[in-house]
Amino acid sequence: VRFEGSKRTVIDGPFAETKELIAGFWLWQVKSLEEALEWL
């Protein structure tokens, strides 16, 4: 959904920008970025 002022435009996939593709996610709770890097 693209937001331009009060206008809303729905864009159907697939999306061409596959270099920016998010295939999944984790939500971790760690003490530091360094700890996250070690786990990753």
PDB file of all heavy atoms in Angstrom:
ATOM      1  N   VAL A   1       0.865  -1.178   0.000  1.00  0.00           N
ATOM      2  CA  VAL A   1       0.000   0.000   0.000  1.00  0.00           C
ATOM      3  C   VAL A   1       0.900   1.226   0.000  1.00  0.00           C
ATOM      4  O   VAL A   1       1.747   1.388   0.881  1.00  0.00           O
ATOM      5  CB  VAL A   1      -0.950   0.018   1.223  1.00  0.00           C
ATOM      6  CG1 VAL A   1      -1.803   1.282   1.213  1.00  0.00           C
ATOM      7  CG2 VAL A   1      -1.832  -1.231   1.226  1.00  0.00           C
ATOM      8  N   ARG A   2       0.732   2.052  -1.013  1.00  0.00           N
ATOM      9  CA  ARG A   2       1.492   3.300  -1.125  1.00  0.00           C
ATOM     10  C   ARG A   2       0.641   4.422  -0.554  1.00  0.00           C
ATOM     11  O   ARG A   2      -0.532   4.569  -0.903  1.00  0.00           O
ATOM     12  CB  ARG A   2       1.844   3.592  -2.584  1.00  0.00           C
ATOM     13  CG  ARG A   2       2.600   4.911  -2.747  1.00  0.00           C
ATOM     14  CD  ARG A   2       3.065   5.165  -4.165  1.00  0.00           C
ATOM     15  NE  ARG A   2       4.076   4.169  -4.506  1.00  0.00           N
ATOM     16  CZ  ARG A   2       4.087   3.471  -5.649  1.00  0.00           C
ATOM     17  NH1 ARG A   2       3.159   3.669  -6.561  1.00  0.00           N
ATOM     18  NH2 ARG A   2       5.042   2.608  -5.882  1.00  0.00           N
ATOM     19  N   PHE A   3       1.238   5.213   0.317  1.00  0.00           N
ATOM     20  CA  PHE A   3       0.570   6.345   0.960  1.00  0.00           C
ATOM     21  C   PHE A   3       1.119   7.629   0.363  1.00  0.00           C
ATOM     22  O   PHE A   3       2.313   7.899   0.456  1.00  0.00           O
ATOM     23  CB  PHE A   3       0.835   6.333   2.471  1.00  0.00           C
ATOM     24  CG  PHE A   3       0.267   5.138   3.173  1.00  0.00           C
ATOM     25  CD1 PHE A   3       0.932   3.926   3.180  1.00  0.00           C
ATOM     26  CD2 PHE A   3      -0.950   5.231   3.836  1.00  0.00           C
ATOM     27  CE1 PHE A   3       0.402   2.823   3.843  1.00  0.00           C
ATOM     28  CE2 PHE A   3      -1.488   4.138   4.496  1.00  0.00           C
ATOM     29  CZ  PHE A   3      -0.809   2.935   4.495  1.00  0.00           C
ATOM     30  N   GLU A   4       0.234   8.409  -0.255  1.00  0.00           N
ATOM     31  CA  GLU A   4       0.605   9.706  -0.818  1.00  0.00           C
ATOM     32  C   GLU A   4      -0.446  10.707  -0.356  1.00  0.00           C
ATOM     33  O   GLU A   4      -1.548  10.728  -0.904  1.00  0.00           O
ATOM     34  CB  GLU A   4       0.656   9.644  -2.338  1.00  0.00           C
ATOM     35  CG  GLU A   4       1.736   8.695  -2.857  1.00  0.00           C
ATOM     36  CD  GLU A   4       1.663   8.509  -4.360  1.00  0.00           C
ATOM     37  OE1 GLU A   4       0.715   7.857  -4.828  1.00  0.00           O
ATOM     38  OE2 GLU A   4       2.566   9.039  -5.047  1.00  0.00           O
ATOM     39  N   GLY A   5      -0.108  11.480   0.685  1.00  0.00           N
ATOM     40  CA  GLY A   5      -1.100  12.377   1.271  1.00  0.00           C
ATOM     41  C   GLY A   5      -2.259  11.547   1.789  1.00  0.00           C
ATOM     42  O   GLY A   5      -2.068  10.600   2.535  1.00  0.00           O
ATOM     43  N   SER A   6      -3.473  11.848   1.362  1.00  0.00           N
ATOM     44  CA  SER A   6      -4.632  11.070   1.798  1.00  0.00           C
ATOM     45  C   SER A   6      -4.965   9.945   0.814  1.00  0.00           C
ATOM     46  O   SER A   6      -5.880   9.168   1.046  1.00  0.00           O
ATOM     47  CB  SER A   6      -5.843  11.991   1.958  1.00  0.00           C
ATOM     48  OG  SER A   6      -6.155  12.588   0.709  1.00  0.00           O
ATOM     49  N   LYS A   7      -4.228   9.822  -0.270  1.00  0.00           N
ATOM     50  CA  LYS A   7      -4.463   8.791  -1.284  1.00  0.00           C
ATOM     51  C   LYS A   7      -3.781   7.481  -0.879  1.00  0.00           C
ATOM     52  O   LYS A   7      -2.661   7.479  -0.386  1.00  0.00           O
ATOM     53  CB  LYS A   7      -3.924   9.261  -2.636  1.00  0.00           C
ATOM     54  CG  LYS A   7      -4.158   8.292  -3.771  1.00  0.00           C
ATOM     55  CD  LYS A   7      -3.603   8.844  -5.068  1.00  0.00           C
ATOM     56  CE  LYS A   7      -3.751   7.816  -6.173  1.00  0.00           C
ATOM     57  NZ  LYS A   7      -3.076   8.254  -7.391  1.00  0.00           N
ATOM     58  N   ARG A   8      -4.484   6.361  -1.100  1.00  0.00           N
ATOM     59  CA  ARG A   8      -3.965   5.021  -0.822  1.00  0.00           C
ATOM     60  C   ARG A   8      -4.038   4.212  -2.106  1.00  0.00           C
ATOM     61  O   ARG A   8      -5.101   4.087  -2.715  1.00  0.00           O
ATOM     62  CB  ARG A   8      -4.782   4.311   0.262  1.00  0.00           C
ATOM     63  CG  ARG A   8      -4.964   5.101   1.553  1.00  0.00           C
ATOM     64  CD  ARG A   8      -3.632   5.358   2.240  1.00  0.00           C
ATOM     65  NE  ARG A   8      -3.785   5.949   3.560  1.00  0.00           N
ATOM     66  CZ  ARG A   8      -3.479   7.199   3.853  1.00  0.00           C
ATOM     67  NH1 ARG A   8      -3.056   8.031   2.919  1.00  0.00           N
ATOM     68  NH2 ARG A   8      -3.592   7.646   5.094  1.00  0.00           N
ATOM     69  N   THR A   9      -2.901   3.648  -2.526  1.00  0.00           N
ATOM     70  CA  THR A   9      -2.849   2.846  -3.733  1.00  0.00           C
ATOM     71  C   THR A   9      -2.374   1.457  -3.374  1.00  0.00           C
ATOM     72  O   THR A   9      -1.327   1.295  -2.734  1.00  0.00           O
ATOM     73  CB  THR A   9      -1.874   3.471  -4.763  1.00  0.00           C
ATOM     74  OG1 THR A   9      -2.262   4.823  -5.000  1.00  0.00           O
ATOM     75  CG2 THR A   9      -1.868   2.694  -6.058  1.00  0.00           C
ATOM     76  N   VAL A  10      -3.130   0.434  -3.789  1.00  0.00           N
ATOM     77  CA  VAL A  10      -2.760  -0.953  -3.537  1.00  0.00           C
ATOM     78  C   VAL A  10      -2.014  -1.477  -4.765  1.00  0.00           C
ATOM     79  O   VAL A  10      -2.490  -1.341  -5.895  1.00  0.00           O
ATOM     80  CB  VAL A  10      -3.999  -1.823  -3.248  1.00  0.00           C
ATOM     81  CG1 VAL A  10      -3.604  -3.279  -3.076  1.00  0.00           C
ATOM     82  CG2 VAL A  10      -4.728  -1.304  -2.012  1.00  0.00           C
ATOM     83  N   ILE A  11      -0.855  -2.061  -4.520  1.00  0.00           N
ATOM     84  CA  ILE A  11      -0.007  -2.600  -5.583  1.00  0.00           C
ATOM     85  C   ILE A  11       0.092  -4.103  -5.366  1.00  0.00           C
ATOM     86  O   ILE A  11       0.477  -4.561  -4.283  1.00  0.00           O
ATOM     87  CB  ILE A  11       1.390  -1.952  -5.541  1.00  0.00           C
ATOM     88  CG1 ILE A  11       1.255  -0.429  -5.621  1.00  0.00           C
ATOM     89  CG2 ILE A  11       2.278  -2.495  -6.647  1.00  0.00           C
ATOM     90  CD1 ILE A  11       2.385   0.318  -4.966  1.00  0.00           C
ATOM     91  N   ASP A  12      -0.257  -4.869  -6.395  1.00  0.00           N
ATOM     92  CA  ASP A  12      -0.189  -6.325  -6.312  1.00  0.00           C
ATOM     93  C   ASP A  12       1.228  -6.809  -6.577  1.00  0.00           C
ATOM     94  O   ASP A  12       1.937  -6.263  -7.419  1.00  0.00           O
ATOM     95  CB  ASP A  12      -1.121  -6.962  -7.345  1.00  0.00           C
ATOM     96  CG  ASP A  12      -2.580  -6.654  -7.064  1.00  0.00           C
ATOM     97  OD1 ASP A  12      -2.942  -6.570  -5.878  1.00  0.00           O
ATOM     98  OD2 ASP A  12      -3.358  -6.514  -8.023  1.00  0.00           O
ATOM     99  N   GLY A  13       1.639  -7.884  -5.869  1.00  0.00           N
ATOM    100  CA  GLY A  13       2.907  -8.533  -6.127  1.00  0.00           C
ATOM    101  C   GLY A  13       2.806  -9.369  -7.389  1.00  0.00           C
ATOM    102  O   GLY A  13       1.739  -9.501  -7.957  1.00  0.00           O
ATOM    103  N   PRO A  14       3.895  -9.912  -7.892  1.00  0.00           N
ATOM    104  CA  PRO A  14       5.222  -9.903  -7.271  1.00  0.00           C
ATOM    105  C   PRO A  14       5.920  -8.562  -7.454  1.00  0.00           C
ATOM    106  O   PRO A  14       5.564  -7.784  -8.321  1.00  0.00           O
ATOM    107  CB  PRO A  14       5.963 -11.006  -8.021  1.00  0.00           C
ATOM    108  CG  PRO A  14       5.325 -11.044  -9.364  1.00  0.00           C
ATOM    109  CD  PRO A  14       3.883 -10.669  -9.141  1.00  0.00           C
ATOM    110  N   PHE A  15       6.909  -8.348  -6.599  1.00  0.00           N
ATOM    111  CA  PHE A  15       7.647  -7.097  -6.608  1.00  0.00           C
ATOM    112  C   PHE A  15       9.030  -7.337  -7.202  1.00  0.00           C
ATOM    113  O   PHE A  15       9.702  -8.304  -6.869  1.00  0.00           O
ATOM    114  CB  PHE A  15       7.742  -6.523  -5.199  1.00  0.00           C
ATOM    115  CG  PHE A  15       6.379  -6.399  -4.568  1.00  0.00           C
ATOM    116  CD1 PHE A  15       6.045  -7.170  -3.477  1.00  0.00           C
ATOM    117  CD2 PHE A  15       5.428  -5.548  -5.098  1.00  0.00           C
ATOM    118  CE1 PHE A  15       4.788  -7.073  -2.902  1.00  0.00           C
ATOM    119  CE2 PHE A  15       4.161  -5.450  -4.540  1.00  0.00           C
ATOM    120  CZ  PHE A  15       3.841  -6.215  -3.439  1.00  0.00           C
ATOM    121  N   ALA A  16       9.438  -6.444  -8.071  1.00  0.00           N
ATOM    122  CA  ALA A  16      10.664  -6.617  -8.843  1.00  0.00           C
ATOM    123  C   ALA A  16      11.932  -6.468  -8.017  1.00  0.00           C
ATOM    124  O   ALA A  16      12.963  -7.033  -8.360  1.00  0.00           O
ATOM    125  CB  ALA A  16      10.688  -5.626 -10.005  1.00  0.00           C
ATOM    126  N   GLU A  17      11.886  -5.721  -6.922  1.00  0.00           N
ATOM    127  CA  GLU A  17      13.101  -5.427  -6.160  1.00  0.00           C
ATOM    128  C   GLU A  17      13.516  -6.619  -5.301  1.00  0.00           C
ATOM    129  O   GLU A  17      13.562  -6.539  -4.085  1.00  0.00           O
ATOM    130  CB  GLU A  17      12.909  -4.194  -5.273  1.00  0.00           C
ATOM    131  CG  GLU A  17      12.514  -2.953  -6.021  1.00  0.00           C
ATOM    132  CD  GLU A  17      11.012  -2.835  -6.201  1.00  0.00           C
ATOM    133  OE1 GLU A  17      10.251  -3.371  -5.384  1.00  0.00           O
ATOM    134  OE2 GLU A  17      10.594  -2.217  -7.188  1.00  0.00           O
ATOM    135  N   THR A  18      13.846  -7.750  -5.936  1.00  0.00           N
ATOM    136  CA  THR A  18      14.146  -8.959  -5.177  1.00  0.00           C
ATOM    137  C   THR A  18      15.434  -8.847  -4.383  1.00  0.00           C
ATOM    138  O   THR A  18      15.630  -9.587  -3.434  1.00  0.00           O
ATOM    139  CB  THR A  18      14.213 -10.185  -6.098  1.00  0.00           C
ATOM    140  OG1 THR A  18      15.173  -9.932  -7.127  1.00  0.00           O
ATOM    141  CG2 THR A  18      12.864 -10.487  -6.698  1.00  0.00           C
ATOM    142  N   LYS A  19      16.328  -7.917  -4.718  1.00  0.00           N
ATOM    143  CA  LYS A  19      17.538  -7.749  -3.914  1.00  0.00           C
ATOM    144  C   LYS A  19      17.203  -7.230  -2.516  1.00  0.00           C
ATOM    145  O   LYS A  19      17.996  -7.335  -1.606  1.00  0.00           O
ATOM    146  CB  LYS A  19      18.532  -6.821  -4.606  1.00  0.00           C
ATOM    147  CG  LYS A  19      18.059  -5.397  -4.707  1.00  0.00           C
ATOM    148  CD  LYS A  19      19.066  -4.517  -5.387  1.00  0.00           C
ATOM    149  CE  LYS A  19      18.482  -3.118  -5.408  1.00  0.00           C
ATOM    150  NZ  LYS A  19      19.367  -2.109  -5.771  1.00  0.00           N
ATOM    151  N   GLU A  20      16.011  -6.677  -2.337  1.00  0.00           N
ATOM    152  CA  GLU A  20      15.559  -6.155  -1.052  1.00  0.00           C
ATOM    153  C   GLU A  20      14.543  -7.084  -0.390  1.00  0.00           C
ATOM    154  O   GLU A  20      13.878  -6.707   0.544  1.00  0.00           O
ATOM    155  CB  GLU A  20      14.917  -4.772  -1.253  1.00  0.00           C
ATOM    156  CG  GLU A  20      15.838  -3.740  -1.870  1.00  0.00           C
ATOM    157  CD  GLU A  20      16.826  -3.165  -0.872  1.00  0.00           C
ATOM    158  OE1 GLU A  20      16.517  -3.147   0.326  1.00  0.00           O
ATOM    159  OE2 GLU A  20      17.903  -2.742  -1.300  1.00  0.00           O
ATOM    160  N   LEU A  21      14.420  -8.296  -0.876  1.00  0.00           N
ATOM    161  CA  LEU A  21      13.391  -9.219  -0.434  1.00  0.00           C
ATOM    162  C   LEU A  21      13.606  -9.688   1.001  1.00  0.00           C
ATOM    163  O   LEU A  21      14.711 -10.046   1.391  1.00  0.00           O
ATOM    164  CB  LEU A  21      13.373 -10.440  -1.363  1.00  0.00           C
ATOM    165  CG  LEU A  21      12.351 -11.507  -1.063  1.00  0.00           C
ATOM    166  CD1 LEU A  21      10.949 -10.970  -1.285  1.00  0.00           C
ATOM    167  CD2 LEU A  21      12.592 -12.711  -1.932  1.00  0.00           C
ATOM    168  N   ILE A  22      12.532  -9.694   1.785  1.00  0.00           N
ATOM    169  CA  ILE A  22      12.552 -10.254   3.133  1.00  0.00           C
ATOM    170  C   ILE A  22      11.823 -11.587   3.065  1.00  0.00           C
ATOM    171  O   ILE A  22      10.638 -11.636   2.734  1.00  0.00           O
ATOM    172  CB  ILE A  22      11.865  -9.309   4.139  1.00  0.00           C
ATOM    173  CG1 ILE A  22      12.620  -7.988   4.204  1.00  0.00           C
ATOM    174  CG2 ILE A  22      11.787  -9.972   5.506  1.00  0.00           C
ATOM    175  CD1 ILE A  22      11.919  -6.937   5.021  1.00  0.00           C
ATOM    176  N   ALA A  23      12.525 -12.676   3.357  1.00  0.00           N
ATOM    177  CA  ALA A  23      11.929 -14.009   3.251  1.00  0.00           C
ATOM    178  C   ALA A  23      11.405 -14.514   4.590  1.00  0.00           C
ATOM    179  O   ALA A  23      10.673 -15.490   4.632  1.00  0.00           O
ATOM    180  CB  ALA A  23      12.967 -14.981   2.694  1.00  0.00           C
ATOM    181  N   GLY A  24      11.789 -13.875   5.661  1.00  0.00           N
ATOM    182  CA  GLY A  24      11.341 -14.280   6.985  1.00  0.00           C
ATOM    183  C   GLY A  24      11.970 -13.375   8.019  1.00  0.00           C
ATOM    184  O   GLY A  24      12.689 -12.432   7.681  1.00  0.00           O
ATOM    185  N   PHE A  25      11.680 -13.669   9.276  1.00  0.00           N
ATOM    186  CA  PHE A  25      12.252 -12.836  10.323  1.00  0.00           C
ATOM    187  C   PHE A  25      12.350 -13.619  11.626  1.00  0.00           C
ATOM    188  O   PHE A  25      11.670 -14.618  11.822  1.00  0.00           O
ATOM    189  CB  PHE A  25      11.400 -11.574  10.563  1.00  0.00           C
ATOM    190  CG  PHE A  25      10.075 -11.876  11.213  1.00  0.00           C
ATOM    191  CD1 PHE A  25       9.944 -11.846  12.600  1.00  0.00           C
ATOM    192  CD2 PHE A  25       8.970 -12.214  10.466  1.00  0.00           C
ATOM    193  CE1 PHE A  25       8.728 -12.143  13.217  1.00  0.00           C
ATOM    194  CE2 PHE A  25       7.753 -12.500  11.060  1.00  0.00           C
ATOM    195  CZ  PHE A  25       7.634 -12.471  12.437  1.00  0.00           C
ATOM    196  N   TRP A  26      13.228 -13.155  12.474  1.00  0.00           N
ATOM    197  CA  TRP A  26      13.312 -13.577  13.867  1.00  0.00           C
ATOM    198  C   TRP A  26      13.150 -12.329  14.717  1.00  0.00           C
ATOM    199  O   TRP A  26      13.557 -11.236  14.308  1.00  0.00           O
ATOM    200  CB  TRP A  26      14.683 -14.124  14.216  1.00  0.00           C
ATOM    201  CG  TRP A  26      15.001 -15.509  13.829  1.00  0.00           C
ATOM    202  CD1 TRP A  26      14.388 -16.656  14.232  1.00  0.00           C
ATOM    203  CD2 TRP A  26      16.092 -15.922  13.003  1.00  0.00           C
ATOM    204  NE1 TRP A  26      15.015 -17.743  13.700  1.00  0.00           N
ATOM    205  CE2 TRP A  26      16.073 -17.320  12.943  1.00  0.00           C
ATOM    206  CE3 TRP A  26      17.080 -15.239  12.311  1.00  0.00           C
ATOM    207  CZ2 TRP A  26      16.999 -18.061  12.226  1.00  0.00           C
ATOM    208  CZ3 TRP A  26      18.001 -15.960  11.598  1.00  0.00           C
ATOM    209  CH2 TRP A  26      17.953 -17.360  11.559  1.00  0.00           C
ATOM    210  N   LEU A  27      12.636 -12.510  15.897  1.00  0.00           N
ATOM    211  CA  LEU A  27      12.655 -11.463  16.905  1.00  0.00           C
ATOM    212  C   LEU A  27      13.406 -12.057  18.083  1.00  0.00           C
ATOM    213  O   LEU A  27      12.967 -13.045  18.676  1.00  0.00           O
ATOM    214  CB  LEU A  27      11.233 -11.059  17.305  1.00  0.00           C
ATOM    215  CG  LEU A  27      11.118  -9.903  18.284  1.00  0.00           C
ATOM    216  CD1 LEU A  27      11.793  -8.644  17.747  1.00  0.00           C
ATOM    217  CD2 LEU A  27       9.655  -9.622  18.582  1.00  0.00           C
ATOM    218  N   TRP A  28      14.570 -11.498  18.352  1.00  0.00           N
ATOM    219  CA  TRP A  28      15.445 -12.000  19.417  1.00  0.00           C
ATOM    220  C   TRP A  28      15.556 -10.951  20.507  1.00  0.00           C
ATOM    221  O   TRP A  28      15.534  -9.752  20.245  1.00  0.00           O
ATOM    222  CB  TRP A  28      16.860 -12.246  18.892  1.00  0.00           C
ATOM    223  CG  TRP A  28      17.008 -13.347  17.900  1.00  0.00           C
ATOM    224  CD1 TRP A  28      16.081 -14.259  17.495  1.00  0.00           C
ATOM    225  CD2 TRP A  28      18.201 -13.647  17.168  1.00  0.00           C
ATOM    226  NE1 TRP A  28      16.620 -15.101  16.565  1.00  0.00           N
ATOM    227  CE2 TRP A  28      17.923 -14.748  16.350  1.00  0.00           C
ATOM    228  CE3 TRP A  28      19.464 -13.086  17.133  1.00  0.00           C
ATOM    229  CZ2 TRP A  28      18.873 -15.315  15.498  1.00  0.00           C
ATOM    230  CZ3 TRP A  28      20.406 -13.648  16.289  1.00  0.00           C
ATOM    231  CH2 TRP A  28      20.113 -14.757  15.488  1.00  0.00           C
ATOM    232  N   GLN A  29      15.772 -11.423  21.721  1.00  0.00           N
ATOM    233  CA  GLN A  29      16.097 -10.525  22.820  1.00  0.00           C
ATOM    234  C   GLN A  29      17.485 -10.908  23.307  1.00  0.00           C
ATOM    235  O   GLN A  29      17.675 -11.968  23.897  1.00  0.00           O
ATOM    236  CB  GLN A  29      15.082 -10.657  23.953  1.00  0.00           C
ATOM    237  CG  GLN A  29      15.300  -9.634  25.038  1.00  0.00           C
ATOM    238  CD  GLN A  29      14.130  -9.593  26.005  1.00  0.00           C
ATOM    239  OE1 GLN A  29      13.285 -10.473  26.025  1.00  0.00           O
ATOM    240  NE2 GLN A  29      14.086  -8.551  26.794  1.00  0.00           N
ATOM    241  N   VAL A  30      18.438 -10.027  23.021  1.00  0.00           N
ATOM    242  CA  VAL A  30      19.835 -10.255  23.391  1.00  0.00           C
ATOM    243  C   VAL A  30      20.356  -9.029  24.129  1.00  0.00           C
ATOM    244  O   VAL A  30      19.727  -7.974  24.128  1.00  0.00           O
ATOM    245  CB  VAL A  30      20.711 -10.541  22.146  1.00  0.00           C
ATOM    246  CG1 VAL A  30      20.340 -11.880  21.517  1.00  0.00           C
ATOM    247  CG2 VAL A  30      20.604  -9.440  21.109  1.00  0.00           C
ATOM    248  N   LYS A  31      21.520  -9.178  24.736  1.00  0.00           N
ATOM    249  CA  LYS A  31      22.100  -8.083  25.516  1.00  0.00           C
ATOM    250  C   LYS A  31      22.777  -7.022  24.656  1.00  0.00           C
ATOM    251  O   LYS A  31      22.929  -5.886  25.072  1.00  0.00           O
ATOM    252  CB  LYS A  31      23.094  -8.649  26.521  1.00  0.00           C
ATOM    253  CG  LYS A  31      22.446  -9.535  27.571  1.00  0.00           C
ATOM    254  CD  LYS A  31      23.479 -10.086  28.539  1.00  0.00           C
ATOM    255  CE  LYS A  31      22.807 -11.003  29.530  1.00  0.00           C
ATOM    256  NZ  LYS A  31      23.082 -12.392  29.320  1.00  0.00           N
ATOM    257  N   SER A  32      23.199  -7.416  23.436  1.00  0.00           N
ATOM    258  CA  SER A  32      23.940  -6.475  22.606  1.00  0.00           C
ATOM    259  C   SER A  32      23.896  -6.910  21.141  1.00  0.00           C
ATOM    260  O   SER A  32      23.570  -8.056  20.827  1.00  0.00           O
ATOM    261  CB  SER A  32      25.410  -6.426  23.054  1.00  0.00           C
ATOM    262  OG  SER A  32      26.029  -7.685  22.814  1.00  0.00           O
ATOM    263  N   LEU A  33      24.257  -5.978  20.278  1.00  0.00           N
ATOM    264  CA  LEU A  33      24.366  -6.286  18.860  1.00  0.00           C
ATOM    265  C   LEU A  33      25.434  -7.352  18.637  1.00  0.00           C
ATOM    266  O   LEU A  33      25.283  -8.232  17.789  1.00  0.00           O
ATOM    267  CB  LEU A  33      24.693  -5.010  18.077  1.00  0.00           C
ATOM    268  CG  LEU A  33      24.837  -5.151  16.570  1.00  0.00           C
ATOM    269  CD1 LEU A  33      23.566  -5.698  15.938  1.00  0.00           C
ATOM    270  CD2 LEU A  33      25.191  -3.812  15.954  1.00  0.00           C
ATOM    271  N   GLU A  34      26.492  -7.288  19.411  1.00  0.00           N
ATOM    272  CA  GLU A  34      27.567  -8.274  19.284  1.00  0.00           C
ATOM    273  C   GLU A  34      27.063  -9.683  19.593  1.00  0.00           C
ATOM    274  O   GLU A  34      27.433 -10.639  18.919  1.00  0.00           O
ATOM    275  CB  GLU A  34      28.738  -7.909  20.200  1.00  0.00           C
ATOM    276  CG  GLU A  34      29.495  -6.656  19.781  1.00  0.00           C
ATOM    277  CD  GLU A  34      28.731  -5.355  20.033  1.00  0.00           C
ATOM    278  OE1 GLU A  34      27.863  -5.305  20.931  1.00  0.00           O
ATOM    279  OE2 GLU A  34      28.998  -4.388  19.293  1.00  0.00           O
ATOM    280  N   GLU A  35      26.210  -9.808  20.619  1.00  0.00           N
ATOM    281  CA  GLU A  35      25.650 -11.119  20.936  1.00  0.00           C
ATOM    282  C   GLU A  35      24.769 -11.615  19.786  1.00  0.00           C
ATOM    283  O   GLU A  35      24.820 -12.790  19.407  1.00  0.00           O
ATOM    284  CB  GLU A  35      24.845 -11.073  22.230  1.00  0.00           C
ATOM    285  CG  GLU A  35      24.293 -12.444  22.616  1.00  0.00           C
ATOM    286  CD  GLU A  35      23.441 -12.426  23.869  1.00  0.00           C
ATOM    287  OE1 GLU A  35      23.186 -11.346  24.447  1.00  0.00           O
ATOM    288  OE2 GLU A  35      23.019 -13.524  24.270  1.00  0.00           O
ATOM    289  N   ALA A  36      23.986 -10.719  19.206  1.00  0.00           N
ATOM    290  CA  ALA A  36      23.156 -11.095  18.058  1.00  0.00           C
ATOM    291  C   ALA A  36      24.015 -11.575  16.897  1.00  0.00           C
ATOM    292  O   ALA A  36      23.701 -12.580  16.246  1.00  0.00           O
ATOM    293  CB  ALA A  36      22.286  -9.917  17.629  1.00  0.00           C
ATOM    294  N   LEU A  37      25.118 -10.877  16.648  1.00  0.00           N
ATOM    295  CA  LEU A  37      26.018 -11.279  15.570  1.00  0.00           C
ATOM    296  C   LEU A  37      26.612 -12.668  15.829  1.00  0.00           C
ATOM    297  O   LEU A  37      26.703 -13.497  14.910  1.00  0.00           O
ATOM    298  CB  LEU A  37      27.145 -10.261  15.400  1.00  0.00           C
ATOM    299  CG  LEU A  37      26.738  -8.944  14.759  1.00  0.00           C
ATOM    300  CD1 LEU A  37      27.842  -7.908  14.920  1.00  0.00           C
ATOM    301  CD2 LEU A  37      26.387  -9.154  13.305  1.00  0.00           C
ATOM    302  N   GLU A  38      26.998 -12.928  17.056  1.00  0.00           N
ATOM    303  CA  GLU A  38      27.555 -14.244  17.387  1.00  0.00           C
ATOM    304  C   GLU A  38      26.524 -15.350  17.156  1.00  0.00           C
ATOM    305  O   GLU A  38      26.853 -16.411  16.620  1.00  0.00           O
ATOM    306  CB  GLU A  38      28.092 -14.268  18.812  1.00  0.00           C
ATOM    307  CG  GLU A  38      29.367 -13.463  18.991  1.00  0.00           C
ATOM    308  CD  GLU A  38      30.461 -13.861  18.001  1.00  0.00           C
ATOM    309  OE1 GLU A  38      30.730 -15.070  17.847  1.00  0.00           O
ATOM    310  OE2 GLU A  38      31.045 -12.953  17.367  1.00  0.00           O
ATOM    311  N   TRP A  39      25.285 -15.116  17.556  1.00  0.00           N
ATOM    312  CA  TRP A  39      24.234 -16.112  17.310  1.00  0.00           C
ATOM    313  C   TRP A  39      23.978 -16.272  15.817  1.00  0.00           C
ATOM    314  O   TRP A  39      23.822 -17.386  15.319  1.00  0.00           O
ATOM    315  CB  TRP A  39      22.951 -15.733  18.037  1.00  0.00           C
ATOM    316  CG  TRP A  39      22.951 -16.200  19.451  1.00  0.00           C
ATOM    317  CD1 TRP A  39      23.181 -15.452  20.571  1.00  0.00           C
ATOM    318  CD2 TRP A  39      22.736 -17.530  19.906  1.00  0.00           C
ATOM    319  NE1 TRP A  39      23.117 -16.240  21.686  1.00  0.00           N
ATOM    320  CE2 TRP A  39      22.836 -17.526  21.309  1.00  0.00           C
ATOM    321  CE3 TRP A  39      22.457 -18.739  19.269  1.00  0.00           C
ATOM    322  CZ2 TRP A  39      22.681 -18.661  22.080  1.00  0.00           C
ATOM    323  CZ3 TRP A  39      22.298 -19.883  20.037  1.00  0.00           C
ATOM    324  CH2 TRP A  39      22.417 -19.841  21.423  1.00  0.00           C
ATOM    325  N   LEU A  40      23.913 -15.175  15.095  1.00  0.00           N
ATOM    326  CA  LEU A  40      23.609 -15.250  13.671  1.00  0.00           C
ATOM    327  C   LEU A  40      24.692 -15.987  12.894  1.00  0.00           C
ATOM    328  O   LEU A  40      24.397 -16.716  11.951  1.00  0.00           O
ATOM    329  CB  LEU A  40      23.397 -13.849  13.096  1.00  0.00           C
ATOM    330  CG  LEU A  40      22.930 -13.811  11.650  1.00  0.00           C
ATOM    331  CD1 LEU A  40      21.650 -14.626  11.444  1.00  0.00           C
ATOM    332  CD2 LEU A  40      22.726 -12.384  11.201  1.00  0.00           C
TER     333      LEU A  40
END
